[in-house]
Amino acid sequence: MDRLRSRATEVARVLLARGIGERLVRWVRRAENAARGGDFIRSGNWHGNRTTWRMCLDLNRCLYYSRADGPHLDAPAPVRTVLTVVDGIVAGEGEGPLAPRDRPLGVVLAGTDPVAVDLVAVRLMGFDERRLAKVWEPIRDPGLRITAVRDPADVVVGESTATGSPPEDEPLDAVRCDRAFLPHAGWVGHVERSA
């Protein structure tokens, strides 16, 4: 069934690119939903996917260990500093990244360590970083480091205020939101932080 769906998707993309087939795509999606239900997992968006985190880590290594003059894979630390920014003013929950429900959160996260930024975002969402390979594996991985984080307890969070008063650092464990985010159907029961 998955192979048939993949082939149908390829054909639909060609037809849509030519401006035809929109009704066919809708019909196929309705038939698929009728056969499998609307909550089945499409593509790699599920807790058992063991490739996405590796791809993200490899792409980050390309970014952090290369410059215009080429790769620096023998460098003891990243050769480039990158600012990671997460716009969480209105976040999304549920069927993300393509069809999330809006979740007003009112935060902007930023930092030069991508894993530390992800740790804060994951905690704000009420998820357990140890259950998310994209966050946890770069911490454990002995290869080229893209993060200084070796223990989540080392991450501190500072809050900037509009008054210009100096931020006060808090330990990562203090980061909470009023209600945990609803995970994507492929992750329900596999990423939530225990009480």
Protein backbone atom coordinates (compact mmCIF):
# COMPACT_ATOMS: atom_id res chain seq x y z
CA MET A 1 0.00 0.00 0.00
CA ASP A 2 2.82 2.44 0.87
CA ARG A 3 4.62 1.75 -2.41
CA LEU A 4 1.38 2.42 -4.31
CA ARG A 5 0.86 5.67 -2.37
CA SER A 6 4.43 6.79 -3.13
CA ARG A 7 3.97 6.15 -6.83
CA ALA A 8 0.60 7.93 -6.83
CA THR A 9 2.23 10.90 -5.10
CA GLU A 10 4.91 11.10 -7.82
CA VAL A 11 2.28 11.00 -10.57
CA ALA A 12 0.16 13.59 -8.76
CA ARG A 13 3.12 15.98 -8.45
CA VAL A 14 3.74 15.80 -12.20
CA LEU A 15 0.06 16.35 -12.95
CA LEU A 16 -0.22 19.23 -10.49
CA ALA A 17 2.89 20.87 -11.95
CA ARG A 18 1.12 20.81 -15.30
CA GLY A 19 -1.98 22.36 -13.76
CA ILE A 20 -4.11 19.22 -13.83
CA GLY A 21 -5.02 16.52 -11.38
CA GLU A 22 -6.10 18.51 -8.34
CA ARG A 23 -9.40 16.60 -8.18
CA LEU A 24 -7.55 13.32 -8.63
CA VAL A 25 -5.25 14.14 -5.69
CA ARG A 26 -8.26 14.98 -3.50
CA TRP A 27 -9.99 11.75 -4.55
CA VAL A 28 -6.89 9.65 -3.78
CA ARG A 29 -6.48 11.33 -0.37
CA ARG A 30 -10.17 10.69 0.47
CA ALA A 31 -9.86 7.05 -0.62
CA GLU A 32 -6.69 6.63 1.43
CA ASN A 33 -8.29 8.23 4.50
CA ALA A 34 -11.36 5.99 4.10
CA ALA A 35 -9.14 2.90 3.91
CA ARG A 36 -6.63 3.77 6.64
CA GLY A 37 -8.28 6.52 8.67
CA GLY A 38 -7.22 10.14 8.82
CA ASP A 39 -4.65 9.73 11.61
CA PHE A 40 -2.31 7.25 9.97
CA ILE A 41 1.33 8.24 9.68
CA ARG A 42 2.59 9.61 6.39
CA SER A 43 6.25 9.80 5.44
CA GLY A 44 8.84 9.92 8.23
CA ASN A 45 6.88 11.81 10.88
CA TRP A 46 6.75 9.14 13.55
CA HIS A 47 8.66 8.22 16.69
CA GLY A 48 10.44 5.23 15.15
CA ASN A 49 12.08 7.15 12.31
CA ARG A 50 15.83 6.66 12.75
CA THR A 51 16.99 8.65 9.73
CA THR A 52 15.75 12.21 10.26
CA TRP A 53 17.89 12.94 13.31
CA ARG A 54 21.00 11.69 11.48
CA MET A 55 20.21 13.90 8.49
CA CYS A 56 19.76 16.95 10.78
CA LEU A 57 23.04 16.20 12.56
CA ASP A 58 24.91 15.76 9.27
CA LEU A 59 23.50 19.01 7.86
CA ASN A 60 24.48 20.86 11.03
CA ARG A 61 27.98 19.41 10.84
CA CYS A 62 28.24 20.65 7.24
CA LEU A 63 27.17 24.10 8.41
CA TYR A 64 29.32 24.34 11.56
CA TYR A 65 32.48 22.72 10.17
CA SER A 66 32.78 24.46 6.81
CA ARG A 67 33.58 27.91 5.50
CA ALA A 68 34.03 29.44 2.07
CA ASP A 69 37.49 27.85 1.90
CA GLY A 70 36.05 24.35 2.34
CA PRO A 71 35.35 21.80 5.06
CA HIS A 72 37.33 21.73 8.32
CA LEU A 73 36.48 18.25 9.55
CA ASP A 74 39.68 18.02 11.58
CA ALA A 75 38.86 21.13 13.64
CA PRO A 76 38.51 20.49 17.38
CA ALA A 77 35.36 22.64 17.50
CA PRO A 78 32.97 24.28 15.05
CA VAL A 79 34.63 26.86 12.79
CA ARG A 80 31.47 28.88 12.36
CA THR A 81 29.08 30.53 14.80
CA VAL A 82 25.42 30.39 13.83
CA LEU A 83 22.53 32.14 15.53
CA THR A 84 19.50 29.86 15.83
CA VAL A 85 16.17 31.67 16.22
CA VAL A 86 12.83 30.02 16.96
CA ASP A 87 9.70 32.11 16.50
CA GLY A 88 7.30 30.78 19.10
CA ILE A 89 5.02 33.78 19.33
CA VAL A 90 2.35 31.59 17.77
CA ALA A 91 3.61 28.03 17.88
CA GLY A 92 1.96 24.95 16.43
CA GLU A 93 0.86 21.64 17.89
CA GLY A 94 -0.67 18.44 16.60
CA GLU A 95 -0.34 17.71 12.90
CA GLY A 96 2.78 19.78 12.25
CA PRO A 97 4.70 20.84 10.38
CA LEU A 98 2.17 20.94 7.52
CA ALA A 99 -1.17 21.34 9.32
CA PRO A 100 -0.58 22.37 12.94
CA ARG A 101 -3.12 23.98 15.22
CA ASP A 102 -2.10 27.43 16.38
CA ARG A 103 -0.82 27.57 19.93
CA PRO A 104 -0.17 31.11 21.22
CA LEU A 105 3.02 30.87 23.26
CA GLY A 106 4.52 34.37 23.12
CA VAL A 107 8.22 33.47 23.04
CA VAL A 108 11.19 33.93 20.78
CA LEU A 109 14.11 31.63 21.49
CA ALA A 110 17.63 32.38 20.30
CA GLY A 111 21.11 31.05 20.90
CA THR A 112 24.35 30.01 19.26
CA ASP A 113 24.02 26.38 20.35
CA PRO A 114 21.28 24.69 18.27
CA VAL A 115 20.81 21.82 20.71
CA ALA A 116 20.46 24.15 23.70
CA VAL A 117 17.79 26.12 21.80
CA ASP A 118 15.99 22.88 20.91
CA LEU A 119 16.19 21.73 24.55
CA VAL A 120 14.41 24.87 25.72
CA ALA A 121 11.76 24.54 22.97
CA VAL A 122 11.19 20.86 23.79
CA ARG A 123 10.80 21.63 27.49
CA LEU A 124 8.39 24.49 26.75
CA MET A 125 6.30 22.04 24.75
CA GLY A 126 6.22 19.54 27.62
CA PHE A 127 8.23 16.90 25.76
CA ASP A 128 11.10 14.76 27.00
CA GLU A 129 14.37 15.47 25.17
CA ARG A 130 15.66 11.96 25.92
CA ARG A 131 12.82 10.61 23.78
CA LEU A 132 13.62 12.86 20.79
CA ALA A 133 16.66 11.58 18.91
CA LYS A 134 17.09 14.87 17.03
CA VAL A 135 17.89 16.54 20.36
CA TRP A 136 19.33 13.69 22.41
CA GLU A 137 21.66 12.01 19.92
CA PRO A 138 23.83 15.10 19.21
CA ILE A 139 24.39 15.35 22.97
CA ARG A 140 25.56 11.72 23.13
CA ASP A 141 27.34 11.52 19.78
CA PRO A 142 31.17 11.36 20.11
CA GLY A 143 31.77 12.62 16.54
CA LEU A 144 32.06 16.21 15.38
CA ARG A 145 30.30 18.24 18.07
CA ILE A 146 27.67 20.78 17.07
CA THR A 147 26.79 21.45 20.70
CA ALA A 148 28.58 22.21 23.93
CA VAL A 149 25.73 20.55 25.84
CA ARG A 150 26.75 17.30 27.47
CA ASP A 151 24.06 17.34 30.16
CA PRO A 152 20.74 19.19 29.86
CA ALA A 153 21.20 20.40 33.45
CA ASP A 154 24.05 22.60 32.18
CA VAL A 155 21.65 24.69 30.06
CA VAL A 156 20.45 27.93 31.62
CA VAL A 157 17.70 30.14 30.28
CA GLY A 158 17.79 33.91 30.45
CA GLU A 159 14.73 36.06 29.90
CA SER A 160 15.01 39.43 28.26
CA THR A 161 12.48 42.06 29.24
CA ALA A 162 11.17 45.14 27.48
CA THR A 163 12.27 47.30 30.43
CA GLY A 164 15.91 46.63 29.73
CA SER A 165 16.50 45.13 33.15
CA PRO A 166 19.21 42.47 33.19
CA PRO A 167 18.00 38.94 32.55
CA GLU A 168 17.95 36.41 35.33
CA ASP A 169 19.21 32.96 34.44
CA GLU A 170 17.12 29.95 35.35
CA PRO A 171 18.03 26.27 35.11
CA LEU A 172 16.48 24.39 32.21
CA ASP A 173 14.35 22.36 34.64
CA ALA A 174 12.49 25.57 35.55
CA VAL A 175 11.20 25.96 31.98
CA ARG A 176 7.51 25.11 31.86
CA CYS A 177 4.38 26.05 29.96
CA ASP A 178 0.83 26.09 31.25
CA ARG A 179 -0.21 23.01 29.24
CA ALA A 180 1.87 20.47 27.35
CA PHE A 181 1.64 20.60 23.56
CA LEU A 182 -0.29 17.93 21.71
CA PRO A 183 2.24 15.88 19.69
CA HIS A 184 1.75 14.76 16.10
CA ALA A 185 -0.21 11.49 15.85
CA GLY A 186 3.00 9.62 15.02
CA TRP A 187 4.55 10.74 18.30
CA VAL A 188 1.65 10.48 20.78
CA GLY A 189 2.69 8.37 23.77
CA HIS A 190 6.37 8.53 22.79
CA VAL A 191 7.61 12.08 23.52
CA GLU A 192 5.61 13.38 26.47
CA ARG A 193 7.48 14.31 29.62
CA SER A 194 6.35 12.33 32.65
CA ALA A 195 4.85 14.33 35.50
